[in-house]
PDB file of N, CA and C in Angstrom:
ATOM      1  N   MET A   1       0.846  -1.187   0.000  1.00  0.00           N
ATOM      2  CA  MET A   1       0.000   0.000   0.000  1.00  0.00           C
ATOM      3  C   MET A   1       0.885   1.241   0.000  1.00  0.00           C
ATOM      4  N   SER A   2       0.489   2.234  -0.741  1.00  0.00           N
ATOM      5  CA  SER A   2       1.275   3.458  -0.819  1.00  0.00           C
ATOM      6  C   SER A   2       1.011   4.352   0.389  1.00  0.00           C
ATOM      7  N   ASN A   3       1.873   5.323   0.545  1.00  0.00           N
ATOM      8  CA  ASN A   3       1.708   6.264   1.645  1.00  0.00           C
ATOM      9  C   ASN A   3       0.545   7.207   1.365  1.00  0.00           C
ATOM     10  N   ILE A   4       0.046   7.815   2.421  1.00  0.00           N
ATOM     11  CA  ILE A   4      -1.185   8.601   2.348  1.00  0.00           C
ATOM     12  C   ILE A   4      -0.902  10.082   2.577  1.00  0.00           C
ATOM     13  N   VAL A   5      -1.465  10.902   1.714  1.00  0.00           N
ATOM     14  CA  VAL A   5      -1.407  12.352   1.884  1.00  0.00           C
ATOM     15  C   VAL A   5      -2.529  12.729   2.851  1.00  0.00           C
ATOM     16  N   PRO A   6      -2.221  13.467   3.923  1.00  0.00           N
ATOM     17  CA  PRO A   6      -3.275  13.883   4.859  1.00  0.00           C
ATOM     18  C   PRO A   6      -4.284  14.795   4.151  1.00  0.00           C
ATOM     19  N   LEU A   7      -5.537  14.392   4.135  1.00  0.00           N
ATOM     20  CA  LEU A   7      -6.547  15.140   3.389  1.00  0.00           C
ATOM     21  C   LEU A   7      -7.474  15.975   4.258  1.00  0.00           C
ATOM     22  N   ILE A   8      -7.362  15.862   5.563  1.00  0.00           N
ATOM     23  CA  ILE A   8      -8.192  16.696   6.435  1.00  0.00           C
ATOM     24  C   ILE A   8      -7.651  18.122   6.370  1.00  0.00           C
ATOM     25  N   SER A   9      -8.519  19.066   6.134  1.00  0.00           N
ATOM     26  CA  SER A   9      -8.131  20.467   6.002  1.00  0.00           C
ATOM     27  C   SER A   9      -7.726  21.076   7.345  1.00  0.00           C
ATOM     28  N   SER A  10      -6.834  22.044   7.295  1.00  0.00           N
ATOM     29  CA  SER A  10      -6.470  22.790   8.506  1.00  0.00           C
ATOM     30  C   SER A  10      -7.653  23.586   9.033  1.00  0.00           C
ATOM     31  N   GLY A  11      -8.641  23.823   8.191  1.00  0.00           N
ATOM     32  CA  GLY A  11      -9.827  24.563   8.600  1.00  0.00           C
ATOM     33  C   GLY A  11     -10.887  23.703   9.263  1.00  0.00           C
ATOM     34  N   THR A  12     -10.584  22.433   9.455  1.00  0.00           N
ATOM     35  CA  THR A  12     -11.528  21.509  10.092  1.00  0.00           C
ATOM     36  C   THR A  12     -11.327  21.534  11.601  1.00  0.00           C
ATOM     37  N   LYS A  13     -12.436  21.514  12.324  1.00  0.00           N
ATOM     38  CA  LYS A  13     -12.363  21.463  13.783  1.00  0.00           C
ATOM     39  C   LYS A  13     -13.217  20.310  14.282  1.00  0.00           C
ATOM     40  N   GLY A  14     -12.867  19.804  15.439  1.00  0.00           N
ATOM     41  CA  GLY A  14     -13.622  18.724  16.054  1.00  0.00           C
ATOM     42  C   GLY A  14     -14.593  19.271  17.079  1.00  0.00           C
ATOM     43  N   PRO A  15     -15.134  18.406  17.938  1.00  0.00           N
ATOM     44  CA  PRO A  15     -16.113  18.821  18.939  1.00  0.00           C
ATOM     45  C   PRO A  15     -15.630  19.928  19.882  1.00  0.00           C
ATOM     46  N   LEU A  16     -14.331  19.995  20.148  1.00  0.00           N
ATOM     47  CA  LEU A  16     -13.814  21.055  21.025  1.00  0.00           C
ATOM     48  C   LEU A  16     -13.744  22.406  20.327  1.00  0.00           C
ATOM     49  N   GLY A  17     -13.859  22.393  19.004  1.00  0.00           N
ATOM     50  CA  GLY A  17     -13.825  23.638  18.249  1.00  0.00           C
ATOM     51  C   GLY A  17     -12.431  24.142  17.924  1.00  0.00           C
ATOM     52  N   VAL A  18     -11.423  23.290  18.043  1.00  0.00           N
ATOM     53  CA  VAL A  18     -10.041  23.702  17.779  1.00  0.00           C
ATOM     54  C   VAL A  18      -9.696  23.418  16.318  1.00  0.00           C
ATOM     55  N   LEU A  19      -9.481  24.489  15.559  1.00  0.00           N
ATOM     56  CA  LEU A  19      -9.093  24.336  14.159  1.00  0.00           C
ATOM     57  C   LEU A  19      -7.758  23.606  14.052  1.00  0.00           C
ATOM     58  N   HIS A  20      -7.620  22.793  13.046  1.00  0.00           N
ATOM     59  CA  HIS A  20      -6.404  22.070  12.685  1.00  0.00           C
ATOM     60  C   HIS A  20      -6.146  20.827  13.543  1.00  0.00           C
ATOM     61  N   LEU A  21      -6.793  20.697  14.679  1.00  0.00           N
ATOM     62  CA  LEU A  21      -6.519  19.556  15.552  1.00  0.00           C
ATOM     63  C   LEU A  21      -6.818  18.212  14.885  1.00  0.00           C
ATOM     64  N   PRO A  22      -7.920  18.076  14.130  1.00  0.00           N
ATOM     65  CA  PRO A  22      -8.140  16.798  13.441  1.00  0.00           C
ATOM     66  C   PRO A  22      -7.022  16.460  12.441  1.00  0.00           C
ATOM     67  N   ARG A  23      -6.531  17.463  11.726  1.00  0.00           N
ATOM     68  CA  ARG A  23      -5.442  17.225  10.774  1.00  0.00           C
ATOM     69  C   ARG A  23      -4.164  16.824  11.504  1.00  0.00           C
ATOM     70  N   LEU A  24      -3.877  17.473  12.603  1.00  0.00           N
ATOM     71  CA  LEU A  24      -2.698  17.133  13.401  1.00  0.00           C
ATOM     72  C   LEU A  24      -2.772  15.676  13.857  1.00  0.00           C
ATOM     73  N   TRP A  25      -3.923  15.281  14.383  1.00  0.00           N
ATOM     74  CA  TRP A  25      -4.108  13.892  14.818  1.00  0.00           C
ATOM     75  C   TRP A  25      -3.892  12.920  13.651  1.00  0.00           C
ATOM     76  N   GLN A  26      -4.459  13.256  12.493  1.00  0.00           N
ATOM     77  CA  GLN A  26      -4.310  12.378  11.335  1.00  0.00           C
ATOM     78  C   GLN A  26      -2.846  12.254  10.918  1.00  0.00           C
ATOM     79  N   LYS A  27      -2.138  13.361  10.879  1.00  0.00           N
ATOM     80  CA  LYS A  27      -0.739  13.333  10.459  1.00  0.00           C
ATOM     81  C   LYS A  27       0.122  12.506  11.406  1.00  0.00           C
ATOM     82  N   VAL A  28      -0.054  12.697  12.701  1.00  0.00           N
ATOM     83  CA  VAL A  28       0.743  11.934  13.666  1.00  0.00           C
ATOM     84  C   VAL A  28       0.358  10.454  13.613  1.00  0.00           C
ATOM     85  N   SER A  29      -0.921  10.173  13.443  1.00  0.00           N
ATOM     86  CA  SER A  29      -1.377   8.780  13.332  1.00  0.00           C
ATOM     87  C   SER A  29      -0.782   8.105  12.102  1.00  0.00           C
ATOM     88  N   LEU A  30      -0.794   8.807  10.981  1.00  0.00           N
ATOM     89  CA  LEU A  30      -0.210   8.249   9.757  1.00  0.00           C
ATOM     90  C   LEU A  30       1.291   8.041   9.906  1.00  0.00           C
ATOM     91  N   GLU A  31       1.963   8.997  10.516  1.00  0.00           N
ATOM     92  CA  GLU A  31       3.403   8.865  10.728  1.00  0.00           C
ATOM     93  C   GLU A  31       3.700   7.653  11.615  1.00  0.00           C
ATOM     94  N   ALA A  32       2.927   7.484  12.670  1.00  0.00           N
ATOM     95  CA  ALA A  32       3.135   6.364  13.597  1.00  0.00           C
ATOM     96  C   ALA A  32       2.958   5.019  12.898  1.00  0.00           C
ATOM     97  N   ALA A  33       2.069   4.987  11.916  1.00  0.00           N
ATOM     98  CA  ALA A  33       1.812   3.752  11.170  1.00  0.00           C
ATOM     99  C   ALA A  33       2.768   3.575   9.993  1.00  0.00           C
ATOM    100  N   GLY A  34       3.655   4.559   9.793  1.00  0.00           N
ATOM    101  CA  GLY A  34       4.577   4.487   8.663  1.00  0.00           C
ATOM    102  C   GLY A  34       3.885   4.697   7.330  1.00  0.00           C
ATOM    103  N   LYS A  35       2.759   5.414   7.352  1.00  0.00           N
ATOM    104  CA  LYS A  35       1.941   5.577   6.146  1.00  0.00           C
ATOM    105  C   LYS A  35       1.844   7.010   5.632  1.00  0.00           C
ATOM    106  N   ILE A  36       2.518   7.954   6.275  1.00  0.00           N
ATOM    107  CA  ILE A  36       2.399   9.347   5.833  1.00  0.00           C
ATOM    108  C   ILE A  36       3.238   9.570   4.572  1.00  0.00           C
ATOM    109  N   ALA A  37       2.703  10.334   3.656  1.00  0.00           N
ATOM    110  CA  ALA A  37       3.399  10.608   2.395  1.00  0.00           C
ATOM    111  C   ALA A  37       4.678  11.405   2.637  1.00  0.00           C
ATOM    112  N   ASP A  38       5.635  11.209   1.757  1.00  0.00           N
ATOM    113  CA  ASP A  38       6.896  11.943   1.837  1.00  0.00           C
ATOM    114  C   ASP A  38       6.632  13.447   1.851  1.00  0.00           C
ATOM    115  N   GLY A  39       7.383  14.149   2.666  1.00  0.00           N
ATOM    116  CA  GLY A  39       7.264  15.598   2.732  1.00  0.00           C
ATOM    117  C   GLY A  39       6.287  16.100   3.776  1.00  0.00           C
ATOM    118  N   TYR A  40       5.586  15.192   4.430  1.00  0.00           N
ATOM    119  CA  TYR A  40       4.632  15.582   5.468  1.00  0.00           C
ATOM    120  C   TYR A  40       5.164  15.138   6.826  1.00  0.00           C
ATOM    121  N   PRO A  41       5.543  16.090   7.681  1.00  0.00           N
ATOM    122  CA  PRO A  41       5.979  15.702   9.021  1.00  0.00           C
ATOM    123  C   PRO A  41       4.774  15.365   9.888  1.00  0.00           C
ATOM    124  N   GLY A  42       4.970  14.504  10.870  1.00  0.00           N
ATOM    125  CA  GLY A  42       3.886  14.232  11.813  1.00  0.00           C
ATOM    126  C   GLY A  42       3.514  15.504  12.553  1.00  0.00           C
ATOM    127  N   ILE A  43       4.518  16.163  13.098  1.00  0.00           N
ATOM    128  CA  ILE A  43       4.317  17.452  13.764  1.00  0.00           C
ATOM    129  C   ILE A  43       5.294  18.434  13.135  1.00  0.00           C
ATOM    130  N   GLY A  44       4.757  19.355  12.376  1.00  0.00           N
ATOM    131  CA  GLY A  44       5.587  20.347  11.706  1.00  0.00           C
ATOM    132  C   GLY A  44       5.758  21.602  12.546  1.00  0.00           C
ATOM    133  N   ALA A  45       6.557  22.514  12.025  1.00  0.00           N
ATOM    134  CA  ALA A  45       6.876  23.748  12.747  1.00  0.00           C
ATOM    135  C   ALA A  45       5.799  24.825  12.604  1.00  0.00           C
ATOM    136  N   GLY A  46       4.850  24.637  11.699  1.00  0.00           N
ATOM    137  CA  GLY A  46       3.826  25.654  11.452  1.00  0.00           C
ATOM    138  C   GLY A  46       2.592  25.482  12.317  1.00  0.00           C
ATOM    139  N   TYR A  47       1.460  25.220  11.651  1.00  0.00           N
ATOM    140  CA  TYR A  47       0.181  25.097  12.358  1.00  0.00           C
ATOM    141  C   TYR A  47       0.212  24.022  13.442  1.00  0.00           C
ATOM    142  N   ASP A  48       0.879  22.906  13.153  1.00  0.00           N
ATOM    143  CA  ASP A  48       0.930  21.829  14.147  1.00  0.00           C
ATOM    144  C   ASP A  48       1.481  22.349  15.474  1.00  0.00           C
ATOM    145  N   SER A  49       2.618  22.988  15.401  1.00  0.00           N
ATOM    146  CA  SER A  49       3.258  23.504  16.615  1.00  0.00           C
ATOM    147  C   SER A  49       2.445  24.626  17.252  1.00  0.00           C
ATOM    148  N   MET A  50       1.841  25.470  16.427  1.00  0.00           N
ATOM    149  CA  MET A  50       1.024  26.561  16.982  1.00  0.00           C
ATOM    150  C   MET A  50      -0.169  26.013  17.763  1.00  0.00           C
ATOM    151  N   VAL A  51      -0.809  24.984  17.237  1.00  0.00           N
ATOM    152  CA  VAL A  51      -1.963  24.399  17.923  1.00  0.00           C
ATOM    153  C   VAL A  51      -1.522  23.736  19.226  1.00  0.00           C
ATOM    154  N   ILE A  52      -0.474  22.951  19.156  1.00  0.00           N
ATOM    155  CA  ILE A  52       0.022  22.274  20.362  1.00  0.00           C
ATOM    156  C   ILE A  52       0.422  23.297  21.425  1.00  0.00           C
ATOM    157  N   ASP A  53       1.178  24.304  21.014  1.00  0.00           N
ATOM    158  CA  ASP A  53       1.602  25.343  21.961  1.00  0.00           C
ATOM    159  C   ASP A  53       0.408  26.127  22.499  1.00  0.00           C
ATOM    160  N   GLY A  54      -0.538  26.438  21.628  1.00  0.00           N
ATOM    161  CA  GLY A  54      -1.721  27.192  22.041  1.00  0.00           C
ATOM    162  C   GLY A  54      -2.572  26.450  23.056  1.00  0.00           C
ATOM    163  N   LEU A  55      -2.543  25.135  22.988  1.00  0.00           N
ATOM    164  CA  LEU A  55      -3.293  24.316  23.944  1.00  0.00           C
ATOM    165  C   LEU A  55      -2.479  24.011  25.201  1.00  0.00           C
ATOM    166  N   GLY A  56      -1.230  24.464  25.205  1.00  0.00           N
ATOM    167  CA  GLY A  56      -0.373  24.237  26.369  1.00  0.00           C
ATOM    168  C   GLY A  56       0.091  22.792  26.500  1.00  0.00           C
ATOM    169  N   LEU A  57       0.202  22.104  25.361  1.00  0.00           N
ATOM    170  CA  LEU A  57       0.621  20.705  25.376  1.00  0.00           C
ATOM    171  C   LEU A  57       2.096  20.576  25.019  1.00  0.00           C
ATOM    172  N   ASP A  58       2.654  19.440  25.332  1.00  0.00           N
ATOM    173  CA  ASP A  58       4.041  19.131  25.005  1.00  0.00           C
ATOM    174  C   ASP A  58       4.072  18.316  23.712  1.00  0.00           C
ATOM    175  N   LYS A  59       4.881  18.739  22.756  1.00  0.00           N
ATOM    176  CA  LYS A  59       4.928  18.065  21.451  1.00  0.00           C
ATOM    177  C   LYS A  59       5.250  16.583  21.578  1.00  0.00           C
ATOM    178  N   GLU A  60       6.244  16.266  22.371  1.00  0.00           N
ATOM    179  CA  GLU A  60       6.638  14.861  22.514  1.00  0.00           C
ATOM    180  C   GLU A  60       5.555  14.042  23.207  1.00  0.00           C
ATOM    181  N   ALA A  61       4.854  14.643  24.149  1.00  0.00           N
ATOM    182  CA  ALA A  61       3.768  13.937  24.835  1.00  0.00           C
ATOM    183  C   ALA A  61       2.617  13.654  23.871  1.00  0.00           C
ATOM    184  N   VAL A  62       2.303  14.621  23.015  1.00  0.00           N
ATOM    185  CA  VAL A  62       1.248  14.432  22.013  1.00  0.00           C
ATOM    186  C   VAL A  62       1.639  13.305  21.064  1.00  0.00           C
ATOM    187  N   LYS A  63       2.852  13.377  20.558  1.00  0.00           N
ATOM    188  CA  LYS A  63       3.336  12.359  19.620  1.00  0.00           C
ATOM    189  C   LYS A  63       3.354  10.975  20.274  1.00  0.00           C
ATOM    190  N   SER A  64       3.846  10.905  21.488  1.00  0.00           N
ATOM    191  CA  SER A  64       3.925   9.635  22.206  1.00  0.00           C
ATOM    192  C   SER A  64       2.536   9.053  22.461  1.00  0.00           C
ATOM    193  N   TYR A  65       1.606   9.892  22.886  1.00  0.00           N
ATOM    194  CA  TYR A  65       0.246   9.420  23.165  1.00  0.00           C
ATOM    195  C   TYR A  65      -0.403   8.844  21.908  1.00  0.00           C
ATOM    196  N   ILE A  66      -0.336   9.577  20.819  1.00  0.00           N
ATOM    197  CA  ILE A  66      -0.968   9.104  19.586  1.00  0.00           C
ATOM    198  C   ILE A  66      -0.265   7.850  19.062  1.00  0.00           C
ATOM    199  N   THR A  67       1.054   7.840  19.129  1.00  0.00           N
ATOM    200  CA  THR A  67       1.828   6.704  18.628  1.00  0.00           C
ATOM    201  C   THR A  67       1.586   5.441  19.449  1.00  0.00           C
ATOM    202  N   ASN A  68       1.591   5.580  20.753  1.00  0.00           N
ATOM    203  CA  ASN A  68       1.493   4.402  21.621  1.00  0.00           C
ATOM    204  C   ASN A  68       0.066   3.954  21.912  1.00  0.00           C
ATOM    205  N   GLU A  69      -0.828   4.901  22.102  1.00  0.00           N
ATOM    206  CA  GLU A  69      -2.208   4.560  22.472  1.00  0.00           C
ATOM    207  C   GLU A  69      -3.127   4.377  21.269  1.00  0.00           C
ATOM    208  N   LYS A  70      -2.750   4.970  20.133  1.00  0.00           N
ATOM    209  CA  LYS A  70      -3.543   4.886  18.899  1.00  0.00           C
ATOM    210  C   LYS A  70      -5.021   5.237  19.129  1.00  0.00           C
ATOM    211  N   PRO A  71      -5.260   6.419  19.700  1.00  0.00           N
ATOM    212  CA  PRO A  71      -6.648   6.800  19.987  1.00  0.00           C
ATOM    213  C   PRO A  71      -7.421   7.159  18.719  1.00  0.00           C
ATOM    214  N   THR A  72      -8.737   6.985  18.784  1.00  0.00           N
ATOM    215  CA  THR A  72      -9.581   7.550  17.737  1.00  0.00           C
ATOM    216  C   THR A  72      -9.501   9.062  17.905  1.00  0.00           C
ATOM    217  N   TYR A  73     -10.044   9.797  16.945  1.00  0.00           N
ATOM    218  CA  TYR A  73      -9.965  11.249  17.089  1.00  0.00           C
ATOM    219  C   TYR A  73     -10.720  11.733  18.326  1.00  0.00           C
ATOM    220  N   THR A  74     -11.897  11.202  18.564  1.00  0.00           N
ATOM    221  CA  THR A  74     -12.668  11.663  19.731  1.00  0.00           C
ATOM    222  C   THR A  74     -11.976  11.281  21.037  1.00  0.00           C
ATOM    223  N   GLN A  75     -11.290  10.155  21.074  1.00  0.00           N
ATOM    224  CA  GLN A  75     -10.508   9.797  22.259  1.00  0.00           C
ATOM    225  C   GLN A  75      -9.346  10.771  22.437  1.00  0.00           C
ATOM    226  N   PHE A  76      -8.737  11.170  21.343  1.00  0.00           N
ATOM    227  CA  PHE A  76      -7.628  12.120  21.402  1.00  0.00           C
ATOM    228  C   PHE A  76      -8.088  13.459  21.968  1.00  0.00           C
ATOM    229  N   GLU A  77      -9.256  13.910  21.570  1.00  0.00           N
ATOM    230  CA  GLU A  77      -9.773  15.194  22.056  1.00  0.00           C
ATOM    231  C   GLU A  77     -10.186  15.154  23.525  1.00  0.00           C
ATOM    232  N   ALA A  78     -10.538  13.993  24.009  1.00  0.00           N
ATOM    233  CA  ALA A  78     -11.083  13.889  25.380  1.00  0.00           C
ATOM    234  C   ALA A  78     -10.073  14.246  26.454  1.00  0.00           C
TER     235      ALA A  78
END
């Protein structure tokens, strides 16, 4: 199977109303599965980092949680 380009828009928000969070979750999930397309970081320096920082989260903790626990998106938001 080929790698996947993240198709969730940065303008998408989940139940918490945080823009870009669904895309961030998808990118890290794809990276953890070894399925993200070339050129797409799991957590990039742009919107990904701004959202994580804005929520007061730690980048490595976010990456570790998604990689190890493999939550659904709604579990990730909880």
